[in-house]
Amino acid sequence: METPTTSATDKKILIANKIKKIILPESLIYIGNNAFVNCSNLEYVYIPKRLHRIGDGAFATTKITLDSLPSSVEYIGRFSFWACDSVCIRRLPAAISSIHDHTFVKNIALSSVHIGSNVKYIGVKAFSLCRNLKELTFDEGCVEIDTAAFVANQSLEKLYLPNSMQYIRYHAFKDSRLLKELHLPVSLVAIGDEAFANCLGIQDIYIPALHPPKLGIDVFPSHVRIHIPQSTDGHVEKEYRDKGWGHYSLISDIKAE
């Protein structure tokens, strides 16, 4: 009796470039590293419902069309969907806790992404160069956005970060030129250098924190207005100025909770 396939191991699926369609068996639980990488004409892959893991670079540079993954998927590796022009996974499986480095780089079909409550970390350049990404939403839960995670997403217009967010790293949203409005949470601990550099469309940034997060170098364009909590004696504005936020126009118009 034939043993069911349970793993598509590293580099062992060799597909000629002329093949456009693959049906993976329902028994498959793991797609290995670089399994289909550079299969430049591959347009469709059936993803089995029991799949648990997608290895690093598994579908990189393919032409597959994909808008969802089975709820069983627990891990998506680095570079898994790198430069996949037709991948537009808007909502990740609930079991995913991290979005790893470079996973969705250059997914130009992606117009919206929702980050679920189990995702705690978004890796380096995870969604960089997704130039048509217009809507980015979060449930409470995400703690860190790493370096250049959303760099050069040129369609994003408004951003509300969740109250769980603590760290926004270097260049996280740099060159998101259409971003106009930014809402930062009370929970924020630090914003890295140039995190929002060249986001020239930003006019207003809202941060209700009574105590400002640590601010890196040249985080925002110089013209932005920073809306901060009101205080009867001006001590909130003074603390913001003392901690480096005085480079920007500070407006004390958020009602303190």
C-alpha atoms as a PDB file:
ATOM      1  CA  MET A   1       0.000   0.000   0.000  1.00  0.00           C
ATOM      2  CA  GLU A   2       1.300   3.449  -0.878  1.00  0.00           C
ATOM      3  CA  THR A   3       2.424   5.544   2.101  1.00  0.00           C
ATOM      4  CA  PRO A   4       0.574   8.904   2.222  1.00  0.00           C
ATOM      5  CA  THR A   5       2.658  11.985   1.473  1.00  0.00           C
ATOM      6  CA  THR A   6       3.169  14.093   4.599  1.00  0.00           C
ATOM      7  CA  SER A   7       6.041  16.395   3.616  1.00  0.00           C
ATOM      8  CA  ALA A   8       7.151  18.218   0.487  1.00  0.00           C
ATOM      9  CA  THR A   9      10.777  18.397   1.628  1.00  0.00           C
ATOM     10  CA  ASP A  10      13.358  21.023   0.776  1.00  0.00           C
ATOM     11  CA  LYS A  11      13.963  21.442  -2.947  1.00  0.00           C
ATOM     12  CA  LYS A  12      12.541  17.979  -3.790  1.00  0.00           C
ATOM     13  CA  ILE A  13       9.600  19.195  -5.836  1.00  0.00           C
ATOM     14  CA  LEU A  14      11.108  19.853  -9.238  1.00  0.00           C
ATOM     15  CA  ILE A  15       8.623  21.344 -11.655  1.00  0.00           C
ATOM     16  CA  ALA A  16       9.387  22.299 -15.224  1.00  0.00           C
ATOM     17  CA  ASN A  17       8.670  25.919 -16.004  1.00  0.00           C
ATOM     18  CA  LYS A  18       5.985  24.924 -18.494  1.00  0.00           C
ATOM     19  CA  ILE A  19       3.762  23.502 -15.716  1.00  0.00           C
ATOM     20  CA  LYS A  20       1.063  25.954 -14.656  1.00  0.00           C
ATOM     21  CA  LYS A  21      -1.044  23.934 -12.217  1.00  0.00           C
ATOM     22  CA  ILE A  22      -0.290  21.676  -9.238  1.00  0.00           C
ATOM     23  CA  ILE A  23      -2.747  19.749  -7.047  1.00  0.00           C
ATOM     24  CA  LEU A  24      -1.125  18.896  -3.721  1.00  0.00           C
ATOM     25  CA  PRO A  25      -2.484  15.840  -1.851  1.00  0.00           C
ATOM     26  CA  GLU A  26      -4.850  16.311   1.077  1.00  0.00           C
ATOM     27  CA  SER A  27      -2.426  14.391   3.320  1.00  0.00           C
ATOM     28  CA  LEU A  28       0.274  17.053   2.915  1.00  0.00           C
ATOM     29  CA  ILE A  29       1.078  18.969   6.118  1.00  0.00           C
ATOM     30  CA  TYR A  30       4.363  20.695   5.233  1.00  0.00           C
ATOM     31  CA  ILE A  31       5.655  22.488   2.136  1.00  0.00           C
ATOM     32  CA  GLY A  32       9.439  22.705   2.428  1.00  0.00           C
ATOM     33  CA  ASN A  33      11.907  25.508   1.867  1.00  0.00           C
ATOM     34  CA  ASN A  34      12.146  26.700  -1.749  1.00  0.00           C
ATOM     35  CA  ALA A  35       9.741  23.975  -2.884  1.00  0.00           C
ATOM     36  CA  PHE A  36       8.441  25.904  -5.908  1.00  0.00           C
ATOM     37  CA  VAL A  37      10.795  28.872  -6.018  1.00  0.00           C
ATOM     38  CA  ASN A  38      11.487  30.219  -9.521  1.00  0.00           C
ATOM     39  CA  CYS A  39       8.801  28.055 -11.140  1.00  0.00           C
ATOM     40  CA  SER A  40       8.095  31.129 -13.174  1.00  0.00           C
ATOM     41  CA  ASN A  41       4.943  29.937 -14.978  1.00  0.00           C
ATOM     42  CA  LEU A  42       3.228  28.262 -12.050  1.00  0.00           C
ATOM     43  CA  GLU A  43      -0.204  29.919 -11.741  1.00  0.00           C
ATOM     44  CA  TYR A  44      -2.254  27.632  -9.511  1.00  0.00           C
ATOM     45  CA  VAL A  45      -1.464  25.418  -6.528  1.00  0.00           C
ATOM     46  CA  TYR A  46      -4.158  23.627  -4.583  1.00  0.00           C
ATOM     47  CA  ILE A  47      -3.357  24.061  -0.883  1.00  0.00           C
ATOM     48  CA  PRO A  48      -4.592  21.074   1.174  1.00  0.00           C
ATOM     49  CA  LYS A  49      -6.846  21.726   4.144  1.00  0.00           C
ATOM     50  CA  ARG A  50      -4.542  20.005   6.675  1.00  0.00           C
ATOM     51  CA  LEU A  51      -1.436  22.026   5.813  1.00  0.00           C
ATOM     52  CA  HIS A  52       0.499  23.243   8.876  1.00  0.00           C
ATOM     53  CA  ARG A  53       3.679  24.866   7.577  1.00  0.00           C
ATOM     54  CA  ILE A  54       4.924  26.724   4.512  1.00  0.00           C
ATOM     55  CA  GLY A  55       8.720  26.822   4.379  1.00  0.00           C
ATOM     56  CA  ASP A  56      11.049  29.691   3.534  1.00  0.00           C
ATOM     57  CA  GLY A  57      10.820  30.826  -0.071  1.00  0.00           C
ATOM     58  CA  ALA A  58       8.275  28.127  -0.922  1.00  0.00           C
ATOM     59  CA  PHE A  59       6.432  30.079  -3.650  1.00  0.00           C
ATOM     60  CA  ALA A  60       8.804  32.985  -4.252  1.00  0.00           C
ATOM     61  CA  THR A  61       8.638  34.543  -7.750  1.00  0.00           C
ATOM     62  CA  THR A  62       5.836  32.251  -8.945  1.00  0.00           C
ATOM     63  CA  LYS A  63       2.656  33.500 -10.623  1.00  0.00           C
ATOM     64  CA  ILE A  64       0.242  31.725  -8.318  1.00  0.00           C
ATOM     65  CA  THR A  65      -3.109  33.330  -7.573  1.00  0.00           C
ATOM     66  CA  LEU A  66      -3.980  32.994  -3.897  1.00  0.00           C
ATOM     67  CA  ASP A  67      -6.339  34.961  -1.653  1.00  0.00           C
ATOM     68  CA  SER A  68      -6.578  32.734   1.430  1.00  0.00           C
ATOM     69  CA  LEU A  69      -4.881  29.939   3.348  1.00  0.00           C
ATOM     70  CA  PRO A  70      -6.417  27.045   5.296  1.00  0.00           C
ATOM     71  CA  SER A  71      -7.119  27.718   8.962  1.00  0.00           C
ATOM     72  CA  SER A  72      -4.729  24.862   9.836  1.00  0.00           C
ATOM     73  CA  VAL A  73      -1.643  26.851   8.738  1.00  0.00           C
ATOM     74  CA  GLU A  74       0.514  27.740  11.755  1.00  0.00           C
ATOM     75  CA  TYR A  75       3.723  28.961  10.121  1.00  0.00           C
ATOM     76  CA  ILE A  76       4.654  30.890   6.984  1.00  0.00           C
ATOM     77  CA  GLY A  77       8.391  31.150   6.384  1.00  0.00           C
ATOM     78  CA  ARG A  78      10.615  33.988   5.245  1.00  0.00           C
ATOM     79  CA  PHE A  79      10.335  34.978   1.573  1.00  0.00           C
ATOM     80  CA  SER A  80       7.442  32.475   1.146  1.00  0.00           C
ATOM     81  CA  PHE A  81       5.478  34.708  -1.224  1.00  0.00           C
ATOM     82  CA  TRP A  82       8.228  37.112  -2.238  1.00  0.00           C
ATOM     83  CA  ALA A  83       7.458  38.884  -5.534  1.00  0.00           C
ATOM     84  CA  CYS A  84       4.240  36.919  -6.133  1.00  0.00           C
ATOM     85  CA  ASP A  85       2.280  39.464  -8.132  1.00  0.00           C
ATOM     86  CA  SER A  86      -1.085  37.682  -7.822  1.00  0.00           C
ATOM     87  CA  VAL A  87      -1.051  36.765  -4.135  1.00  0.00           C
ATOM     88  CA  CYS A  88      -3.481  38.873  -2.073  1.00  0.00           C
ATOM     89  CA  ILE A  89      -3.988  37.161   1.285  1.00  0.00           C
ATOM     90  CA  ARG A  90      -6.006  39.750   3.193  1.00  0.00           C
ATOM     91  CA  ARG A  91      -6.567  37.799   6.412  1.00  0.00           C
ATOM     92  CA  LEU A  92      -4.064  35.295   7.790  1.00  0.00           C
ATOM     93  CA  PRO A  93      -5.024  32.082   9.599  1.00  0.00           C
ATOM     94  CA  ALA A  94      -5.705  32.675  13.293  1.00  0.00           C
ATOM     95  CA  ALA A  95      -2.869  30.366  14.398  1.00  0.00           C
ATOM     96  CA  ILE A  96      -0.183  32.616  12.860  1.00  0.00           C
ATOM     97  CA  SER A  97       1.734  34.427  15.631  1.00  0.00           C
ATOM     98  CA  SER A  98       4.512  36.057  13.571  1.00  0.00           C
ATOM     99  CA  ILE A  99       4.797  37.353  10.030  1.00  0.00           C
ATOM    100  CA  HIS A 100       8.401  36.673   9.170  1.00  0.00           C
ATOM    101  CA  ASP A 101      10.976  38.708   7.246  1.00  0.00           C
ATOM    102  CA  HIS A 102      10.258  39.434   3.567  1.00  0.00           C
ATOM    103  CA  THR A 103       7.202  37.141   3.482  1.00  0.00           C
ATOM    104  CA  PHE A 104       4.951  39.268   1.261  1.00  0.00           C
ATOM    105  CA  VAL A 105       7.414  41.629  -0.443  1.00  0.00           C
ATOM    106  CA  LYS A 106       6.140  43.056  -3.747  1.00  0.00           C
ATOM    107  CA  ASN A 107       2.653  41.519  -3.524  1.00  0.00           C
ATOM    108  CA  ILE A 108       1.253  44.154  -5.835  1.00  0.00           C
ATOM    109  CA  ALA A 109      -2.238  42.592  -5.946  1.00  0.00           C
ATOM    110  CA  LEU A 110      -2.623  43.166  -2.199  1.00  0.00           C
ATOM    111  CA  SER A 111      -5.028  46.045  -1.490  1.00  0.00           C
ATOM    112  CA  SER A 112      -5.939  45.372   2.143  1.00  0.00           C
ATOM    113  CA  VAL A 113      -4.510  43.430   5.087  1.00  0.00           C
ATOM    114  CA  HIS A 114      -6.017  42.644   8.470  1.00  0.00           C
ATOM    115  CA  ILE A 115      -3.588  41.662  11.250  1.00  0.00           C
ATOM    116  CA  GLY A 116      -5.319  39.325  13.716  1.00  0.00           C
ATOM    117  CA  SER A 117      -5.001  39.306  17.493  1.00  0.00           C
ATOM    118  CA  ASN A 118      -2.575  36.357  17.628  1.00  0.00           C
ATOM    119  CA  VAL A 119       0.065  38.121  15.505  1.00  0.00           C
ATOM    120  CA  LYS A 120       2.597  39.635  17.907  1.00  0.00           C
ATOM    121  CA  TYR A 121       5.427  40.456  15.510  1.00  0.00           C
ATOM    122  CA  ILE A 122       5.721  41.706  11.917  1.00  0.00           C
ATOM    123  CA  GLY A 123       9.187  41.065  10.508  1.00  0.00           C
ATOM    124  CA  VAL A 124      11.748  42.975   8.484  1.00  0.00           C
ATOM    125  CA  LYS A 125      10.302  44.084   5.118  1.00  0.00           C
ATOM    126  CA  ALA A 126       7.378  41.688   5.611  1.00  0.00           C
ATOM    127  CA  PHE A 127       5.006  43.794   3.468  1.00  0.00           C
ATOM    128  CA  SER A 128       7.467  46.150   1.800  1.00  0.00           C
ATOM    129  CA  LEU A 129       6.859  47.417  -1.730  1.00  0.00           C
ATOM    130  CA  CYS A 130       3.197  46.371  -1.711  1.00  0.00           C
ATOM    131  CA  ARG A 131       2.423  49.474  -3.676  1.00  0.00           C
ATOM    132  CA  ASN A 132      -1.360  48.959  -3.890  1.00  0.00           C
ATOM    133  CA  LEU A 133      -1.900  48.313  -0.183  1.00  0.00           C
ATOM    134  CA  LYS A 134      -4.508  50.915   0.742  1.00  0.00           C
ATOM    135  CA  GLU A 135      -6.027  49.520   3.946  1.00  0.00           C
ATOM    136  CA  LEU A 136      -4.125  48.138   6.931  1.00  0.00           C
ATOM    137  CA  THR A 137      -6.080  47.222  10.059  1.00  0.00           C
ATOM    138  CA  PHE A 138      -5.170  45.551  13.353  1.00  0.00           C
ATOM    139  CA  ASP A 139      -6.863  43.695  16.151  1.00  0.00           C
ATOM    140  CA  GLU A 140      -5.358  44.259  19.589  1.00  0.00           C
ATOM    141  CA  GLY A 141      -2.343  42.000  20.003  1.00  0.00           C
ATOM    142  CA  CYS A 142       0.538  43.072  17.779  1.00  0.00           C
ATOM    143  CA  VAL A 143       3.533  44.325  19.798  1.00  0.00           C
ATOM    144  CA  GLU A 144       6.279  45.074  17.276  1.00  0.00           C
ATOM    145  CA  ILE A 145       6.633  46.243  13.667  1.00  0.00           C
ATOM    146  CA  ASP A 146      10.217  45.604  12.625  1.00  0.00           C
ATOM    147  CA  THR A 147      12.562  47.426  10.245  1.00  0.00           C
ATOM    148  CA  ALA A 148      11.035  48.528   6.910  1.00  0.00           C
ATOM    149  CA  ALA A 149       8.073  46.182   7.403  1.00  0.00           C
ATOM    150  CA  PHE A 150       5.761  48.413   5.322  1.00  0.00           C
ATOM    151  CA  VAL A 151       8.300  50.567   3.503  1.00  0.00           C
ATOM    152  CA  ALA A 152       7.205  52.173   0.214  1.00  0.00           C
ATOM    153  CA  ASN A 153       3.545  51.181   0.410  1.00  0.00           C
ATOM    154  CA  GLN A 154       2.439  54.057  -1.733  1.00  0.00           C
ATOM    155  CA  SER A 155      -1.351  53.690  -1.454  1.00  0.00           C
ATOM    156  CA  LEU A 156      -1.795  53.619   2.332  1.00  0.00           C
ATOM    157  CA  GLU A 157      -3.756  56.717   3.420  1.00  0.00           C
ATOM    158  CA  LYS A 158      -4.754  56.276   7.074  1.00  0.00           C
ATOM    159  CA  LEU A 159      -3.256  54.221   9.882  1.00  0.00           C
ATOM    160  CA  TYR A 160      -4.582  53.329  13.336  1.00  0.00           C
ATOM    161  CA  LEU A 161      -2.123  51.252  15.369  1.00  0.00           C
ATOM    162  CA  PRO A 162      -3.510  49.031  18.154  1.00  0.00           C
ATOM    163  CA  ASN A 163      -3.155  49.724  21.857  1.00  0.00           C
ATOM    164  CA  SER A 164      -0.946  46.650  22.177  1.00  0.00           C
ATOM    165  CA  MET A 165       1.769  48.155  19.954  1.00  0.00           C
ATOM    166  CA  GLN A 166       5.068  48.927  21.728  1.00  0.00           C
ATOM    167  CA  TYR A 167       7.795  49.199  19.089  1.00  0.00           C
ATOM    168  CA  ILE A 168       7.888  50.685  15.595  1.00  0.00           C
ATOM    169  CA  ARG A 169      11.349  50.111  14.197  1.00  0.00           C
ATOM    170  CA  TYR A 170      13.661  51.914  11.753  1.00  0.00           C
ATOM    171  CA  HIS A 171      12.095  52.798   8.372  1.00  0.00           C
ATOM    172  CA  ALA A 172       8.918  50.857   9.239  1.00  0.00           C
ATOM    173  CA  PHE A 173       6.636  52.988   7.030  1.00  0.00           C
ATOM    174  CA  LYS A 174       9.176  55.103   5.170  1.00  0.00           C
ATOM    175  CA  ASP A 175       8.164  56.349   1.709  1.00  0.00           C
ATOM    176  CA  SER A 176       4.444  55.731   2.256  1.00  0.00           C
ATOM    177  CA  ARG A 177       3.816  58.972   0.443  1.00  0.00           C
ATOM    178  CA  LEU A 178      -0.010  59.000   0.471  1.00  0.00           C
ATOM    179  CA  LEU A 179      -0.301  58.462   4.222  1.00  0.00           C
ATOM    180  CA  LYS A 180      -2.262  61.460   5.534  1.00  0.00           C
ATOM    181  CA  GLU A 181      -3.362  60.569   9.044  1.00  0.00           C
ATOM    182  CA  LEU A 182      -1.645  58.577  11.773  1.00  0.00           C
ATOM    183  CA  HIS A 183      -3.006  57.441  15.140  1.00  0.00           C
ATOM    184  CA  LEU A 184      -0.415  56.192  17.630  1.00  0.00           C
ATOM    185  CA  PRO A 185      -1.406  54.219  20.758  1.00  0.00           C
ATOM    186  CA  VAL A 186      -0.846  54.954  24.434  1.00  0.00           C
ATOM    187  CA  SER A 187       1.104  51.687  24.722  1.00  0.00           C
ATOM    188  CA  LEU A 188       3.933  52.820  22.422  1.00  0.00           C
ATOM    189  CA  VAL A 189       7.429  52.605  23.969  1.00  0.00           C
ATOM    190  CA  ALA A 190       9.695  53.665  21.086  1.00  0.00           C
ATOM    191  CA  ILE A 191       9.653  54.771  17.454  1.00  0.00           C
ATOM    192  CA  GLY A 192      12.809  54.101  15.438  1.00  0.00           C
ATOM    193  CA  ASP A 193      14.808  56.455  13.229  1.00  0.00           C
ATOM    194  CA  GLU A 194      13.026  57.605  10.066  1.00  0.00           C
ATOM    195  CA  ALA A 195      10.093  55.295  10.743  1.00  0.00           C
ATOM    196  CA  PHE A 196       7.788  57.632   8.790  1.00  0.00           C
ATOM    197  CA  ALA A 197      10.406  59.513   6.766  1.00  0.00           C
ATOM    198  CA  ASN A 198       9.302  60.752   3.338  1.00  0.00           C
ATOM    199  CA  CYS A 199       5.650  60.208   4.236  1.00  0.00           C
ATOM    200  CA  LEU A 200       5.079  63.626   2.781  1.00  0.00           C
ATOM    201  CA  GLY A 201       1.284  63.418   2.815  1.00  0.00           C
ATOM    202  CA  ILE A 202       1.055  63.237   6.603  1.00  0.00           C
ATOM    203  CA  GLN A 203      -0.515  66.339   8.081  1.00  0.00           C
ATOM    204  CA  ASP A 204      -1.777  65.166  11.470  1.00  0.00           C
ATOM    205  CA  ILE A 205      -0.530  62.636  14.012  1.00  0.00           C
ATOM    206  CA  TYR A 206      -2.618  61.783  17.074  1.00  0.00           C
ATOM    207  CA  ILE A 207      -1.057  60.345  20.229  1.00  0.00           C
ATOM    208  CA  PRO A 208      -3.118  60.275  23.452  1.00  0.00           C
ATOM    209  CA  ALA A 209      -0.217  59.196  25.687  1.00  0.00           C
ATOM    210  CA  LEU A 210       0.435  61.426  28.694  1.00  0.00           C
ATOM    211  CA  HIS A 211       4.069  60.287  28.606  1.00  0.00           C
ATOM    212  CA  PRO A 212       5.627  60.296  25.130  1.00  0.00           C
ATOM    213  CA  PRO A 213       7.447  57.284  23.682  1.00  0.00           C
ATOM    214  CA  LYS A 214      11.153  57.446  22.915  1.00  0.00           C
ATOM    215  CA  LEU A 215      11.616  59.178  19.587  1.00  0.00           C
ATOM    216  CA  GLY A 216      14.327  58.316  17.068  1.00  0.00           C
ATOM    217  CA  ILE A 217      15.987  60.648  14.556  1.00  0.00           C
ATOM    218  CA  ASP A 218      13.924  62.275  11.766  1.00  0.00           C
ATOM    219  CA  VAL A 219      10.956  60.040  12.487  1.00  0.00           C
ATOM    220  CA  PHE A 220       8.362  62.239  10.746  1.00  0.00           C
ATOM    221  CA  PRO A 221       8.410  64.929   8.048  1.00  0.00           C
ATOM    222  CA  SER A 222       9.146  68.295   9.623  1.00  0.00           C
ATOM    223  CA  HIS A 223       5.781  69.868   8.711  1.00  0.00           C
ATOM    224  CA  VAL A 224       3.504  67.504  10.669  1.00  0.00           C
ATOM    225  CA  ARG A 225       1.186  68.544  13.507  1.00  0.00           C
ATOM    226  CA  ILE A 226       1.344  66.330  16.600  1.00  0.00           C
ATOM    227  CA  HIS A 227      -1.900  66.225  18.596  1.00  0.00           C
ATOM    228  CA  ILE A 228      -1.268  65.430  22.273  1.00  0.00           C
ATOM    229  CA  PRO A 229      -3.338  65.392  25.501  1.00  0.00           C
ATOM    230  CA  GLN A 230      -4.480  68.589  27.144  1.00  0.00           C
ATOM    231  CA  SER A 231      -3.140  69.546  30.569  1.00  0.00           C
ATOM    232  CA  THR A 232      -4.135  72.503  32.732  1.00  0.00           C
ATOM    233  CA  ASP A 233      -0.554  73.470  33.593  1.00  0.00           C
ATOM    234  CA  GLY A 234       1.105  72.482  30.309  1.00  0.00           C
ATOM    235  CA  HIS A 235       3.189  69.696  31.878  1.00  0.00           C
ATOM    236  CA  VAL A 236       2.297  67.188  29.126  1.00  0.00           C
ATOM    237  CA  GLU A 237       3.530  69.470  26.359  1.00  0.00           C
ATOM    238  CA  LYS A 238       6.663  70.224  28.387  1.00  0.00           C
ATOM    239  CA  GLU A 239       7.456  66.526  28.707  1.00  0.00           C
ATOM    240  CA  TYR A 240       6.985  66.025  24.970  1.00  0.00           C
ATOM    241  CA  ARG A 241       9.330  68.923  24.262  1.00  0.00           C
ATOM    242  CA  ASP A 242      11.883  67.666  26.788  1.00  0.00           C
ATOM    243  CA  LYS A 243      11.890  64.258  25.085  1.00  0.00           C
ATOM    244  CA  GLY A 244      12.578  65.518  21.577  1.00  0.00           C
ATOM    245  CA  TRP A 245       9.078  66.027  20.198  1.00  0.00           C
ATOM    246  CA  GLY A 246       9.497  69.804  20.147  1.00  0.00           C
ATOM    247  CA  HIS A 247      10.939  69.593  16.621  1.00  0.00           C
ATOM    248  CA  TYR A 248       7.327  69.317  15.461  1.00  0.00           C
ATOM    249  CA  SER A 249       4.265  71.481  15.926  1.00  0.00           C
ATOM    250  CA  LEU A 250       2.564  70.310  19.137  1.00  0.00           C
ATOM    251  CA  ILE A 251      -1.174  70.866  19.566  1.00  0.00           C
ATOM    252  CA  SER A 252      -2.688  70.103  22.974  1.00  0.00           C
ATOM    253  CA  ASP A 253      -6.237  69.242  21.951  1.00  0.00           C
ATOM    254  CA  ILE A 254      -6.820  65.600  22.956  1.00  0.00           C
ATOM    255  CA  LYS A 255      -9.008  65.313  26.031  1.00  0.00           C
ATOM    256  CA  ALA A 256      -7.063  63.455  28.730  1.00  0.00           C
ATOM    257  CA  GLU A 257      -8.728  60.257  29.880  1.00  0.00           C
END
